[in-house]
Amino acid sequence: MQKKEILTSLQSIQQDLSRQSGVDQETLEHLHSLVANMEKLVQRAEALRKAEVEPIASQWQQTLRRFESEHPHLTDLIARVTDGLANLGI
């Protein structure tokens, strides 16, 4: 997955999150913040240091685990973004 595809997928996640019912406000805010942070990382992929990436990547993985059973369609999209980020070295 290329940078542009990752950014498009992150935007899809944002849109899907906005339409979700049954997700509490705190979780939605956390996810929106996490997606925004991931977008920033992708934009700066070439200039990143490992110390900048690890905390956000860890949050991303934790979020993926939390959503696996509750929101399978988002989990699939998040997993594809995760693979794309790995391909960018993030």
N, C-alpha and C. Protein backbone atom coordinates (compact mmCIF):
# COMPACT_ATOMS: atom_id res chain seq x y z
N MET A 1 0.85 -1.17 0.00
CA MET A 1 0.00 0.00 0.00
C MET A 1 0.89 1.23 0.00
N GLN A 2 0.65 2.14 -0.90
CA GLN A 2 1.43 3.36 -1.02
C GLN A 2 0.90 4.44 -0.07
N LYS A 3 1.71 5.50 0.11
CA LYS A 3 1.35 6.57 1.01
C LYS A 3 -0.05 7.14 0.71
N LYS A 4 -0.33 7.39 -0.56
CA LYS A 4 -1.62 7.95 -0.95
C LYS A 4 -2.77 7.01 -0.58
N GLU A 5 -2.58 5.73 -0.79
CA GLU A 5 -3.61 4.74 -0.44
C GLU A 5 -3.83 4.68 1.07
N ILE A 6 -2.75 4.79 1.82
CA ILE A 6 -2.86 4.78 3.27
C ILE A 6 -3.66 6.00 3.73
N LEU A 7 -3.34 7.16 3.19
CA LEU A 7 -4.06 8.37 3.57
C LEU A 7 -5.54 8.27 3.20
N THR A 8 -5.83 7.70 2.04
CA THR A 8 -7.22 7.50 1.64
C THR A 8 -7.92 6.55 2.60
N SER A 9 -7.24 5.48 2.99
CA SER A 9 -7.82 4.52 3.93
C SER A 9 -8.06 5.16 5.29
N LEU A 10 -7.13 5.99 5.73
CA LEU A 10 -7.30 6.68 7.01
C LEU A 10 -8.51 7.62 6.95
N GLN A 11 -8.70 8.27 5.81
CA GLN A 11 -9.88 9.13 5.64
C GLN A 11 -11.16 8.29 5.67
N SER A 12 -11.11 7.11 5.09
CA SER A 12 -12.27 6.20 5.13
C SER A 12 -12.59 5.79 6.56
N ILE A 13 -11.55 5.53 7.32
CA ILE A 13 -11.75 5.17 8.72
C ILE A 13 -12.43 6.32 9.46
N GLN A 14 -11.94 7.55 9.21
CA GLN A 14 -12.55 8.74 9.84
C GLN A 14 -14.03 8.82 9.49
N GLN A 15 -14.36 8.63 8.23
CA GLN A 15 -15.75 8.72 7.78
C GLN A 15 -16.59 7.61 8.41
N ASP A 16 -16.06 6.40 8.42
CA ASP A 16 -16.78 5.28 9.03
C ASP A 16 -17.03 5.52 10.51
N LEU A 17 -16.03 6.05 11.19
CA LEU A 17 -16.18 6.32 12.61
C LEU A 17 -17.28 7.35 12.86
N SER A 18 -17.38 8.33 11.99
CA SER A 18 -18.40 9.36 12.15
C SER A 18 -19.81 8.80 12.01
N ARG A 19 -19.94 7.70 11.30
CA ARG A 19 -21.25 7.09 11.07
C ARG A 19 -21.58 5.97 12.05
N GLN A 20 -20.65 5.60 12.89
CA GLN A 20 -20.85 4.46 13.79
C GLN A 20 -21.85 4.79 14.89
N SER A 21 -22.73 3.86 15.14
CA SER A 21 -23.60 3.96 16.31
C SER A 21 -23.15 2.85 17.26
N GLY A 22 -23.39 3.04 18.52
CA GLY A 22 -23.00 2.03 19.49
C GLY A 22 -21.56 2.15 19.94
N VAL A 23 -20.86 3.19 19.50
CA VAL A 23 -19.49 3.42 19.96
C VAL A 23 -19.54 4.65 20.86
N ASP A 24 -19.04 4.50 22.09
CA ASP A 24 -19.12 5.61 23.03
C ASP A 24 -18.26 6.79 22.58
N GLN A 25 -18.60 7.97 23.05
CA GLN A 25 -17.94 9.21 22.64
C GLN A 25 -16.45 9.20 22.94
N GLU A 26 -16.06 8.67 24.08
CA GLU A 26 -14.64 8.62 24.45
C GLU A 26 -13.84 7.78 23.45
N THR A 27 -14.40 6.64 23.05
CA THR A 27 -13.73 5.78 22.08
C THR A 27 -13.62 6.48 20.74
N LEU A 28 -14.70 7.14 20.31
CA LEU A 28 -14.67 7.87 19.04
C LEU A 28 -13.60 8.96 19.06
N GLU A 29 -13.53 9.71 20.14
CA GLU A 29 -12.52 10.77 20.24
C GLU A 29 -11.12 10.18 20.20
N HIS A 30 -10.91 9.07 20.91
CA HIS A 30 -9.61 8.41 20.90
C HIS A 30 -9.24 7.98 19.48
N LEU A 31 -10.18 7.37 18.79
CA LEU A 31 -9.92 6.90 17.44
C LEU A 31 -9.66 8.04 16.46
N HIS A 32 -10.44 9.11 16.57
CA HIS A 32 -10.21 10.26 15.69
C HIS A 32 -8.82 10.84 15.93
N SER A 33 -8.43 10.94 17.18
CA SER A 33 -7.10 11.45 17.52
C SER A 33 -6.01 10.53 16.98
N LEU A 34 -6.21 9.24 17.14
CA LEU A 34 -5.23 8.26 16.66
C LEU A 34 -5.09 8.31 15.14
N VAL A 35 -6.21 8.41 14.44
CA VAL A 35 -6.17 8.48 12.98
C VAL A 35 -5.46 9.77 12.55
N ALA A 36 -5.73 10.87 13.23
CA ALA A 36 -5.06 12.14 12.90
C ALA A 36 -3.54 12.01 13.11
N ASN A 37 -3.14 11.36 14.20
CA ASN A 37 -1.71 11.15 14.44
C ASN A 37 -1.08 10.26 13.37
N MET A 38 -1.81 9.24 12.95
CA MET A 38 -1.30 8.35 11.90
C MET A 38 -1.15 9.11 10.59
N GLU A 39 -2.09 9.99 10.28
CA GLU A 39 -1.98 10.79 9.05
C GLU A 39 -0.72 11.65 9.09
N LYS A 40 -0.43 12.24 10.24
CA LYS A 40 0.79 13.04 10.38
C LYS A 40 2.04 12.19 10.18
N LEU A 41 2.03 10.98 10.74
CA LEU A 41 3.17 10.08 10.57
C LEU A 41 3.38 9.72 9.10
N VAL A 42 2.30 9.42 8.42
CA VAL A 42 2.41 9.04 7.01
C VAL A 42 2.95 10.20 6.19
N GLN A 43 2.48 11.40 6.47
CA GLN A 43 2.95 12.58 5.73
C GLN A 43 4.46 12.79 5.91
N ARG A 44 4.97 12.42 7.07
CA ARG A 44 6.38 12.64 7.38
C ARG A 44 7.19 11.35 7.36
N ALA A 45 6.71 10.32 6.72
CA ALA A 45 7.29 8.97 6.80
C ALA A 45 8.80 8.95 6.58
N GLU A 46 9.29 9.69 5.63
CA GLU A 46 10.71 9.62 5.30
C GLU A 46 11.59 10.23 6.39
N ALA A 47 11.05 11.18 7.16
CA ALA A 47 11.87 11.91 8.12
C ALA A 47 11.70 11.42 9.56
N LEU A 48 10.96 10.36 9.75
CA LEU A 48 10.64 9.92 11.11
C LEU A 48 11.76 9.16 11.78
N ARG A 49 11.80 9.31 13.08
CA ARG A 49 12.70 8.51 13.90
C ARG A 49 11.86 7.46 14.62
N LYS A 50 12.48 6.37 14.97
CA LYS A 50 11.78 5.26 15.63
C LYS A 50 11.07 5.71 16.90
N ALA A 51 11.68 6.58 17.67
CA ALA A 51 11.09 7.04 18.93
C ALA A 51 9.78 7.79 18.70
N GLU A 52 9.61 8.42 17.55
CA GLU A 52 8.37 9.12 17.23
C GLU A 52 7.27 8.15 16.84
N VAL A 53 7.65 7.07 16.21
CA VAL A 53 6.68 6.14 15.64
C VAL A 53 6.15 5.15 16.66
N GLU A 54 7.02 4.64 17.51
CA GLU A 54 6.65 3.54 18.40
C GLU A 54 5.41 3.79 19.26
N PRO A 55 5.29 4.96 19.92
CA PRO A 55 4.09 5.14 20.77
C PRO A 55 2.79 5.12 19.97
N ILE A 56 2.78 5.74 18.83
CA ILE A 56 1.56 5.79 18.02
C ILE A 56 1.29 4.43 17.39
N ALA A 57 2.32 3.76 16.94
CA ALA A 57 2.14 2.42 16.38
C ALA A 57 1.59 1.46 17.44
N SER A 58 2.05 1.60 18.65
CA SER A 58 1.56 0.76 19.75
C SER A 58 0.08 1.03 20.01
N GLN A 59 -0.30 2.30 20.03
CA GLN A 59 -1.72 2.66 20.21
C GLN A 59 -2.56 2.09 19.08
N TRP A 60 -2.03 2.16 17.87
CA TRP A 60 -2.74 1.63 16.70
C TRP A 60 -3.02 0.15 16.87
N GLN A 61 -2.01 -0.61 17.30
CA GLN A 61 -2.17 -2.05 17.51
C GLN A 61 -3.18 -2.34 18.62
N GLN A 62 -3.12 -1.58 19.71
CA GLN A 62 -4.07 -1.76 20.80
C GLN A 62 -5.50 -1.49 20.33
N THR A 63 -5.68 -0.46 19.55
CA THR A 63 -7.00 -0.13 19.02
C THR A 63 -7.51 -1.24 18.12
N LEU A 64 -6.64 -1.78 17.30
CA LEU A 64 -7.02 -2.87 16.42
C LEU A 64 -7.53 -4.05 17.22
N ARG A 65 -6.83 -4.40 18.28
CA ARG A 65 -7.26 -5.52 19.12
C ARG A 65 -8.62 -5.26 19.77
N ARG A 66 -8.84 -4.02 20.22
CA ARG A 66 -10.12 -3.68 20.86
C ARG A 66 -11.29 -3.75 19.88
N PHE A 67 -11.05 -3.43 18.64
CA PHE A 67 -12.13 -3.36 17.66
C PHE A 67 -12.38 -4.65 16.92
N GLU A 68 -11.53 -5.63 17.04
CA GLU A 68 -11.65 -6.85 16.26
C GLU A 68 -13.03 -7.49 16.32
N SER A 69 -13.60 -7.61 17.49
CA SER A 69 -14.89 -8.28 17.58
C SER A 69 -16.07 -7.34 17.39
N GLU A 70 -15.93 -6.10 17.81
CA GLU A 70 -17.04 -5.17 17.77
C GLU A 70 -17.29 -4.56 16.39
N HIS A 71 -16.24 -4.31 15.64
CA HIS A 71 -16.36 -3.60 14.38
C HIS A 71 -15.49 -4.26 13.31
N PRO A 72 -15.89 -5.42 12.83
CA PRO A 72 -15.03 -6.16 11.90
C PRO A 72 -14.70 -5.41 10.61
N HIS A 73 -15.61 -4.60 10.08
CA HIS A 73 -15.30 -3.89 8.84
C HIS A 73 -14.23 -2.82 9.06
N LEU A 74 -14.23 -2.17 10.23
CA LEU A 74 -13.17 -1.21 10.54
C LEU A 74 -11.86 -1.93 10.83
N THR A 75 -11.95 -3.07 11.47
CA THR A 75 -10.75 -3.84 11.80
C THR A 75 -10.01 -4.22 10.52
N ASP A 76 -10.76 -4.63 9.53
CA ASP A 76 -10.16 -5.01 8.25
C ASP A 76 -9.43 -3.83 7.62
N LEU A 77 -10.05 -2.68 7.63
CA LEU A 77 -9.44 -1.48 7.05
C LEU A 77 -8.23 -1.06 7.87
N ILE A 78 -8.34 -1.10 9.20
CA ILE A 78 -7.21 -0.74 10.06
C ILE A 78 -6.04 -1.70 9.82
N ALA A 79 -6.33 -2.99 9.65
CA ALA A 79 -5.27 -3.97 9.40
C ALA A 79 -4.56 -3.68 8.07
N ARG A 80 -5.31 -3.29 7.05
CA ARG A 80 -4.68 -2.96 5.76
C ARG A 80 -3.80 -1.73 5.89
N VAL A 81 -4.27 -0.74 6.66
CA VAL A 81 -3.45 0.45 6.88
C VAL A 81 -2.18 0.08 7.64
N THR A 82 -2.32 -0.80 8.62
CA THR A 82 -1.15 -1.26 9.39
C THR A 82 -0.12 -1.90 8.48
N ASP A 83 -0.57 -2.74 7.56
CA ASP A 83 0.35 -3.36 6.61
C ASP A 83 1.03 -2.31 5.74
N GLY A 84 0.25 -1.33 5.30
CA GLY A 84 0.80 -0.27 4.46
C GLY A 84 1.84 0.55 5.23
N LEU A 85 1.56 0.83 6.50
CA LEU A 85 2.52 1.56 7.32
C LEU A 85 3.81 0.79 7.48
N ALA A 86 3.70 -0.50 7.66
CA ALA A 86 4.89 -1.35 7.76
C ALA A 86 5.71 -1.27 6.48
N ASN A 87 5.03 -1.22 5.35
CA ASN A 87 5.74 -1.11 4.07
C ASN A 87 6.46 0.21 3.93
N LEU A 88 5.94 1.26 4.61
CA LEU A 88 6.61 2.57 4.60
C LEU A 88 7.70 2.66 5.66
N GLY A 89 7.83 1.62 6.47
CA GLY A 89 8.84 1.63 7.51
C GLY A 89 8.36 2.27 8.80
N ILE A 90 7.05 2.39 8.94
CA ILE A 90 6.49 3.00 10.14
C ILE A 90 6.01 1.89 11.06
